[in-house]
Amino acid sequence: MAPPHDNSKSALQVLPADRRQVLVLMNPRAGGHSRQPLVDELCQNLLTRSLSPQVFQDIDPLVEAAERLQSARQLRAVVAAGGDGTFRLVAERTPLQTPLSIFPLGTENLVAKYLDAAPDPWQAARTLADGLTVPLDAGLADGRLFSLMAGCGFDADVVRRLHRTRRGHIRHWSYAKPILDTIRNYDYPELRIYYSPADDDGGELTREISARWVFVINLPRYAGGLSFAPRASATDGLFDLCTFKEGSLWHGLIYLGGVILGQHESMQDFNQIKTRKLRIECVGNAPYQLDGDPGGELPVEIQTLPGRLLTLVSRSWATRNGMLTDEKPQEHGS
C-alpha cells in the first residue's frame, strides 16, 4: 500500500534567471469587459524586470512558440490571461513541464483564487520574475485535462446551456437564464460511479456508488464561493469524489444550504470519497463539465495526474503554505 504523494513541502523550485521569454495567451472574451489595458500594463511591468513578453490571442501559434522556446531553454512561463477555461486550455496544449501562470481576467477565476493571484499587473510581473514553481495535480477526463473539478448533472447542464448561446463576455448574471432553463427541464437521472480505493495503485474500479449530483474535486474551489471539499489537497495525488443522493429541485436547495453553511459533510445524503480513478455512467442522458466548460455526455473516465501542472506561485503563497523557508529553493531542471 503506497501512501498518497504530498510534494508540497519539498517541490518548491526556482526558474533559472536566464529564461526570460514570457508568452501570454489573452482570451478576448474573458470576464465582463475588455481587459486589453491590463494585459498591456502586465507586459510593461515584465519589460521593466528584463523579461520579454509576447501576446497571443490564438492558442496554436502560442503552442508552437512554447515548444520552440522550451526546447531552447529560453521559456520562462506561459501566462493564461483569462479565466479558468483559459488556464485549462494552456495547460492542456503546452508541452509537459511548461511553467504556467495565471493572470485572472475571467468571471470566477477559481484557480487564481486558490493561488491568491489578482488581476494586478505589478504583482503578476513580480511572481513571474521571482520564478517560484510548485507542481500541482491535475485530472484527465477522457483525454481532456482539467485543474479544478469535473461536475456531472445539474451544474453541467447549466454550463452546456450557457455555452450554447454564449455571445462575447460572460458575467455572473449570464447564468440566470441557463439556471432557470435547467430548473424547468432537468430530470435528475441516476448517476453510477465506479471507482478505485485511494490505496489501490492499480486503479481497479472495484467500488460503486450511485447519486444524482456528482463533483470530482481536485482543487478546493467552486463557483460562487462554494466548497464541497474544503480540505481537498492539490498535491496528494487524489480526487475528492463528492456526491449527493437524491434528485429534485427541493433536495438541491437543501444541499445548497448545507454547502453554504458548511454543514453538508454531516448530511446523510452526502458522500465524500478519496480516489485516483473513476468512471461515471448515467441511466439516461446527462452532461459533464470540466472547470466550467462543457465536457460532453456521460459516460466518462477520469484519473489523477499527480504533479502535472508546474505552476508559478507568489512568495507570500509559498510562505503561507509552508514551502518557502530559509533554505534556498532548488533551481528547476538542476
Protein backbone atom coordinates (compact mmCIF):
# COMPACT_ATOMS: atom_id res chain seq x y z
CA MET A 1 0.00 0.00 0.00
CA ALA A 2 1.57 3.26 -1.14
CA PRO A 3 0.64 6.48 0.68
CA PRO A 4 -0.60 9.39 -1.41
CA HIS A 5 2.19 11.67 -2.50
CA ASP A 6 2.42 15.10 -0.97
CA ASN A 7 5.13 17.11 -2.67
CA SER A 8 4.11 20.46 -1.20
CA LYS A 9 6.96 20.63 1.33
CA SER A 10 9.84 19.69 -0.96
CA ALA A 11 8.87 20.55 -4.52
CA LEU A 12 9.27 24.33 -4.49
CA GLN A 13 11.78 25.23 -7.19
CA VAL A 14 13.01 28.41 -8.85
CA LEU A 15 13.31 29.02 -12.58
CA PRO A 16 16.78 29.78 -13.99
CA ALA A 17 17.38 33.52 -14.31
CA ASP A 18 18.40 33.25 -17.96
CA ARG A 19 14.96 32.03 -19.07
CA ARG A 20 13.36 35.35 -19.95
CA GLN A 21 10.75 34.71 -22.65
CA VAL A 22 7.13 35.03 -21.44
CA LEU A 23 4.23 34.01 -23.67
CA VAL A 24 0.78 35.40 -22.84
CA LEU A 25 -2.46 33.90 -24.13
CA MET A 26 -5.15 36.57 -23.82
CA ASN A 27 -8.74 35.39 -24.02
CA PRO A 28 -10.53 38.41 -25.56
CA ARG A 29 -13.90 37.12 -24.28
CA ALA A 30 -12.88 36.54 -20.67
CA GLY A 31 -14.64 38.48 -17.92
CA GLY A 32 -17.27 41.16 -18.21
CA HIS A 33 -15.44 43.63 -20.46
CA SER A 34 -12.23 44.11 -22.42
CA ARG A 35 -9.08 43.60 -20.38
CA GLN A 36 -6.58 44.63 -23.07
CA PRO A 37 -5.29 47.60 -20.99
CA LEU A 38 -4.43 45.26 -18.09
CA VAL A 39 -2.53 42.90 -20.41
CA ASP A 40 -0.65 45.87 -21.87
CA GLU A 41 0.27 47.01 -18.37
CA LEU A 42 1.42 43.50 -17.46
CA CYS A 43 3.73 43.49 -20.47
CA GLN A 44 5.17 46.86 -19.47
CA ASN A 45 5.87 45.57 -15.97
CA LEU A 46 7.57 42.50 -17.40
CA LEU A 47 9.80 44.66 -19.60
CA THR A 48 10.91 46.69 -16.57
CA ARG A 49 12.03 43.40 -14.98
CA SER A 50 14.06 42.46 -18.08
CA LEU A 51 11.58 39.82 -19.20
CA SER A 52 10.42 39.63 -22.82
CA PRO A 53 6.64 39.20 -23.26
CA GLN A 54 4.78 38.19 -26.40
CA VAL A 55 0.96 38.25 -26.52
CA PHE A 56 -1.22 35.79 -28.47
CA GLN A 57 -4.97 35.52 -28.95
CA ASP A 58 -4.77 32.14 -30.71
CA ILE A 59 -3.56 29.01 -28.94
CA ASP A 60 -1.92 27.35 -31.97
CA PRO A 61 0.89 29.87 -32.63
CA LEU A 62 1.45 30.15 -28.87
CA VAL A 63 1.94 26.38 -28.63
CA GLU A 64 4.45 26.48 -31.50
CA ALA A 65 6.39 29.26 -29.77
CA ALA A 66 6.26 27.46 -26.42
CA GLU A 67 7.62 24.24 -27.91
CA ARG A 68 10.47 26.08 -29.62
CA LEU A 69 11.43 28.19 -26.59
CA GLN A 70 11.07 25.30 -24.14
CA SER A 71 13.38 23.18 -26.27
CA ALA A 72 15.91 26.04 -26.39
CA ARG A 73 15.65 26.52 -22.59
CA GLN A 74 14.55 30.12 -23.07
CA LEU A 75 10.92 29.92 -21.94
CA ARG A 76 10.19 31.40 -18.53
CA ALA A 77 6.44 30.81 -18.49
CA VAL A 78 3.19 30.76 -20.38
CA VAL A 79 0.60 33.11 -18.87
CA ALA A 80 -3.12 32.37 -19.15
CA ALA A 81 -4.67 35.85 -19.24
CA GLY A 82 -8.32 34.92 -18.85
CA GLY A 83 -10.45 32.64 -16.70
CA ASP A 84 -10.28 29.03 -15.61
CA GLY A 85 -11.05 27.79 -19.11
CA THR A 86 -8.08 29.72 -20.50
CA PHE A 87 -5.79 28.19 -17.87
CA ARG A 88 -7.13 24.71 -18.67
CA LEU A 89 -6.52 25.25 -22.40
CA VAL A 90 -2.96 26.46 -21.86
CA ALA A 91 -2.16 23.58 -19.50
CA GLU A 92 -3.63 21.03 -21.91
CA ARG A 93 -1.90 22.26 -25.06
CA THR A 94 1.58 23.32 -23.92
CA PRO A 95 4.46 20.81 -23.50
CA LEU A 96 4.95 18.90 -20.27
CA GLN A 97 6.92 20.81 -17.63
CA THR A 98 5.99 24.16 -19.15
CA PRO A 99 5.88 26.70 -16.29
CA LEU A 100 2.33 28.06 -16.12
CA SER A 101 1.00 31.28 -14.64
CA ILE A 102 -2.47 32.77 -14.45
CA PHE A 103 -3.42 36.42 -14.84
CA PRO A 104 -7.09 36.31 -13.79
CA LEU A 105 -9.42 38.16 -16.15
CA GLY A 106 -12.41 35.79 -16.13
CA THR A 107 -15.70 35.68 -14.26
CA GLU A 108 -14.90 33.25 -11.44
CA ASN A 109 -11.09 32.80 -11.58
CA LEU A 110 -11.12 29.84 -9.18
CA VAL A 111 -7.55 28.69 -9.89
CA ALA A 112 -6.37 32.25 -9.29
CA LYS A 113 -8.30 32.42 -6.01
CA TYR A 114 -6.62 29.20 -4.86
CA LEU A 115 -3.24 30.75 -5.70
CA ASP A 116 -4.19 34.19 -4.33
CA ALA A 117 -3.44 35.70 -7.75
CA ALA A 118 -5.10 39.02 -8.58
CA PRO A 119 -5.56 40.98 -11.85
CA ASP A 120 -2.70 43.18 -10.68
CA PRO A 121 -0.05 43.67 -13.41
CA TRP A 122 2.68 44.58 -10.91
CA GLN A 123 2.00 41.57 -8.69
CA ALA A 124 1.80 39.18 -11.66
CA ALA A 125 5.08 40.50 -13.07
CA ARG A 126 6.79 40.07 -9.71
CA THR A 127 5.60 36.45 -9.48
CA LEU A 128 6.99 35.77 -12.96
CA ALA A 129 10.28 37.49 -12.11
CA ASP A 130 10.66 35.56 -8.83
CA GLY A 131 10.12 32.31 -10.76
CA LEU A 132 8.93 30.11 -7.88
CA THR A 133 7.15 26.97 -9.09
CA VAL A 134 5.16 24.17 -7.47
CA PRO A 135 3.83 21.04 -9.24
CA LEU A 136 0.08 20.79 -8.66
CA ASP A 137 -2.11 17.81 -9.50
CA ALA A 138 -4.47 17.77 -12.47
CA GLY A 139 -7.20 15.48 -13.71
CA LEU A 140 -7.72 13.75 -17.05
CA ALA A 141 -11.27 13.13 -18.32
CA ASP A 142 -11.39 11.04 -21.49
CA GLY A 143 -8.15 12.63 -22.66
CA ARG A 144 -9.05 16.19 -21.62
CA LEU A 145 -7.12 17.96 -18.89
CA PHE A 146 -8.73 19.84 -16.00
CA SER A 147 -7.29 21.61 -12.99
CA LEU A 148 -10.24 22.37 -10.71
CA MET A 149 -13.03 19.83 -10.90
CA ALA A 150 -15.44 17.85 -13.02
CA GLY A 151 -19.17 18.18 -12.39
CA CYS A 152 -21.91 15.84 -13.58
CA GLY A 153 -25.61 16.53 -13.67
CA PHE A 154 -27.40 19.79 -12.87
CA ASP A 155 -24.39 22.11 -12.93
CA ALA A 156 -23.09 20.59 -16.15
CA ASP A 157 -26.48 21.15 -17.78
CA VAL A 158 -26.31 24.83 -16.79
CA VAL A 159 -22.81 25.10 -18.29
CA ARG A 160 -23.92 23.41 -21.50
CA ARG A 161 -26.91 25.75 -21.91
CA LEU A 162 -24.77 28.81 -21.20
CA HIS A 163 -22.16 27.95 -23.82
CA ARG A 164 -24.75 27.07 -26.46
CA THR A 165 -25.90 30.69 -26.52
CA ARG A 166 -22.72 32.48 -25.42
CA ARG A 167 -22.03 35.75 -27.19
CA GLY A 168 -18.99 37.70 -26.02
CA HIS A 169 -18.09 38.21 -22.36
CA ILE A 170 -19.66 36.15 -19.54
CA ARG A 171 -20.96 38.00 -16.49
CA HIS A 172 -22.43 36.47 -13.37
CA TRP A 173 -25.95 37.35 -14.49
CA SER A 174 -25.29 35.44 -17.74
CA TYR A 175 -26.00 32.28 -15.74
CA ALA A 176 -29.54 33.35 -14.78
CA LYS A 177 -31.39 32.08 -17.86
CA PRO A 178 -29.44 28.78 -18.13
CA ILE A 179 -30.15 28.08 -14.45
CA LEU A 180 -33.87 28.76 -14.89
CA ASP A 181 -33.97 26.61 -18.03
CA THR A 182 -32.22 23.76 -16.22
CA ILE A 183 -34.63 24.04 -13.26
CA ARG A 184 -37.55 23.70 -15.69
CA ASN A 185 -36.13 20.87 -17.79
CA TYR A 186 -33.54 18.78 -15.91
CA ASP A 187 -34.85 15.40 -14.74
CA TYR A 188 -32.02 14.32 -12.37
CA PRO A 189 -31.10 10.93 -13.87
CA GLU A 190 -29.30 8.37 -11.74
CA LEU A 191 -25.52 8.57 -11.99
CA ARG A 192 -23.45 5.48 -11.26
CA ILE A 193 -19.85 5.91 -10.17
CA TYR A 194 -17.32 3.08 -10.28
CA TYR A 195 -14.08 3.97 -8.52
CA SER A 196 -10.82 2.62 -7.16
CA PRO A 197 -9.99 2.87 -3.45
CA ALA A 198 -7.43 5.54 -2.60
CA ASP A 199 -4.85 2.92 -1.56
CA ASP A 200 -5.15 0.91 -4.80
CA ASP A 201 -2.21 1.86 -7.03
CA GLY A 202 -3.51 -0.45 -9.76
CA GLY A 203 -6.62 1.68 -10.24
CA GLU A 204 -9.08 -1.21 -10.39
CA LEU A 205 -12.67 0.13 -10.24
CA THR A 206 -13.84 -2.24 -7.53
CA ARG A 207 -16.23 0.08 -5.67
CA GLU A 208 -19.58 1.51 -6.73
CA ILE A 209 -21.95 4.25 -5.58
CA SER A 210 -24.99 5.90 -7.13
CA ALA A 211 -26.10 9.52 -6.82
CA ARG A 212 -27.89 12.35 -8.65
CA TRP A 213 -25.23 15.04 -8.10
CA VAL A 214 -21.52 14.28 -8.62
CA PHE A 215 -18.48 16.53 -8.16
CA VAL A 216 -14.90 15.34 -8.70
CA ILE A 217 -12.75 17.84 -6.82
CA ASN A 218 -9.07 18.46 -7.47
CA LEU A 219 -8.65 22.00 -6.06
CA PRO A 220 -10.85 23.09 -3.13
CA ARG A 221 -12.68 25.81 -5.05
CA TYR A 222 -16.09 26.03 -6.72
CA ALA A 223 -18.19 28.77 -8.31
CA GLY A 224 -19.99 31.25 -6.08
CA GLY A 225 -17.57 30.74 -3.20
CA LEU A 226 -18.93 27.23 -2.53
CA SER A 227 -16.67 24.43 -1.31
CA PHE A 228 -17.74 20.80 -1.44
CA ALA A 229 -14.37 19.54 -0.18
CA PRO A 230 -12.70 22.37 1.77
CA ARG A 231 -9.80 20.15 2.83
CA ALA A 232 -9.03 18.84 -0.66
CA SER A 233 -5.32 18.95 -1.48
CA ALA A 234 -3.73 19.88 -4.79
CA THR A 235 -0.62 17.83 -4.01
CA ASP A 236 -1.84 14.47 -2.64
CA GLY A 237 -2.44 12.72 -5.98
CA LEU A 238 -6.09 12.10 -5.11
CA PHE A 239 -9.53 13.40 -6.02
CA ASP A 240 -12.25 14.13 -3.52
CA LEU A 241 -15.34 12.49 -5.01
CA CYS A 242 -18.39 14.28 -3.57
CA THR A 243 -21.93 13.07 -4.21
CA PHE A 244 -25.50 13.88 -3.15
CA LYS A 245 -28.04 11.10 -3.32
CA GLU A 246 -31.48 12.49 -4.14
CA GLY A 247 -32.61 14.25 -7.30
CA SER A 248 -35.06 17.14 -7.21
CA LEU A 249 -35.01 20.91 -7.00
CA TRP A 250 -36.15 20.71 -3.38
CA HIS A 251 -33.28 18.39 -2.44
CA GLY A 252 -30.90 20.59 -4.42
CA LEU A 253 -31.89 23.63 -2.38
CA ILE A 254 -31.38 21.67 0.85
CA TYR A 255 -27.96 20.51 -0.31
CA LEU A 256 -27.02 24.04 -1.40
CA GLY A 257 -27.97 25.40 2.01
CA GLY A 258 -25.81 22.75 3.65
CA VAL A 259 -22.82 23.67 1.50
CA ILE A 260 -23.27 27.40 2.13
CA LEU A 261 -23.41 26.78 5.89
CA GLY A 262 -20.55 24.28 5.78
CA GLN A 263 -22.80 21.54 7.18
CA HIS A 264 -23.17 19.28 4.13
CA GLU A 265 -20.49 16.83 5.30
CA SER A 266 -22.80 15.73 8.13
CA MET A 267 -25.77 15.14 5.80
CA GLN A 268 -26.94 11.55 5.40
CA ASP A 269 -27.28 12.05 1.63
CA PHE A 270 -23.68 13.25 1.21
CA ASN A 271 -20.67 11.03 0.48
CA GLN A 272 -17.04 12.06 0.17
CA ILE A 273 -14.52 9.53 -1.11
CA LYS A 274 -10.81 9.73 -1.88
CA THR A 275 -9.89 8.09 -5.19
CA ARG A 276 -7.36 8.14 -8.02
CA LYS A 277 -9.55 6.84 -10.81
CA LEU A 278 -13.26 6.56 -11.56
CA ARG A 279 -15.86 6.07 -14.27
CA ILE A 280 -19.21 7.84 -14.26
CA GLU A 281 -22.16 6.41 -16.16
CA CYS A 282 -25.76 7.53 -16.47
CA VAL A 283 -29.10 5.78 -16.56
CA GLY A 284 -30.31 8.01 -19.37
CA ASN A 285 -28.51 11.11 -20.69
CA ALA A 286 -26.52 13.63 -18.70
CA PRO A 287 -23.63 16.02 -19.46
CA TYR A 288 -20.42 16.68 -17.58
CA GLN A 289 -18.35 19.84 -17.32
CA LEU A 290 -14.65 20.48 -16.76
CA ASP A 291 -13.53 23.67 -14.99
CA GLY A 292 -16.74 25.42 -16.03
CA ASP A 293 -16.55 24.42 -19.71
CA PRO A 294 -18.71 21.75 -21.41
CA GLY A 295 -17.04 18.34 -21.32
CA GLY A 296 -19.50 16.16 -23.21
CA GLU A 297 -22.01 13.43 -22.41
CA LEU A 298 -21.59 10.62 -19.93
CA PRO A 299 -20.04 8.07 -19.62
CA VAL A 300 -16.61 9.49 -18.78
CA GLU A 301 -13.44 8.02 -17.30
CA ILE A 302 -11.40 10.25 -15.01
CA GLN A 303 -7.97 9.80 -13.44
CA THR A 304 -5.48 11.88 -11.49
CA LEU A 305 -2.28 13.25 -12.96
CA PRO A 306 -0.07 13.91 -9.90
CA GLY A 307 2.14 16.98 -10.21
CA ARG A 308 1.08 17.62 -13.82
CA LEU A 309 0.74 21.43 -13.51
CA LEU A 310 4.07 23.20 -12.99
CA THR A 311 2.58 26.40 -11.60
CA LEU A 312 4.20 29.70 -10.67
CA VAL A 313 3.30 30.91 -7.18
CA SER A 314 3.95 34.11 -5.29
CA ARG A 315 6.37 34.33 -2.39
CA SER A 316 3.51 35.08 0.00
CA TRP A 317 1.57 31.99 -1.13
CA ALA A 318 4.62 29.75 -0.80
CA THR A 319 5.38 31.12 2.66
CA ARG A 320 1.81 30.74 3.89
CA ASN A 321 1.74 27.12 2.68
CA GLY A 322 4.98 26.27 4.46
CA MET A 323 7.05 25.87 1.29
CA LEU A 324 9.37 28.87 1.43
CA THR A 325 11.89 28.53 4.24
CA ASP A 326 15.38 29.82 4.94
CA GLU A 327 16.71 27.11 2.63
CA LYS A 328 17.15 28.32 -0.95
CA PRO A 329 14.76 26.59 -3.41
CA GLN A 330 16.35 24.20 -5.87
CA GLU A 331 16.75 25.55 -9.40
CA HIS A 332 14.31 24.00 -11.85
CA GLY A 333 15.91 21.38 -14.08
CA SER A 334 19.03 21.02 -11.93
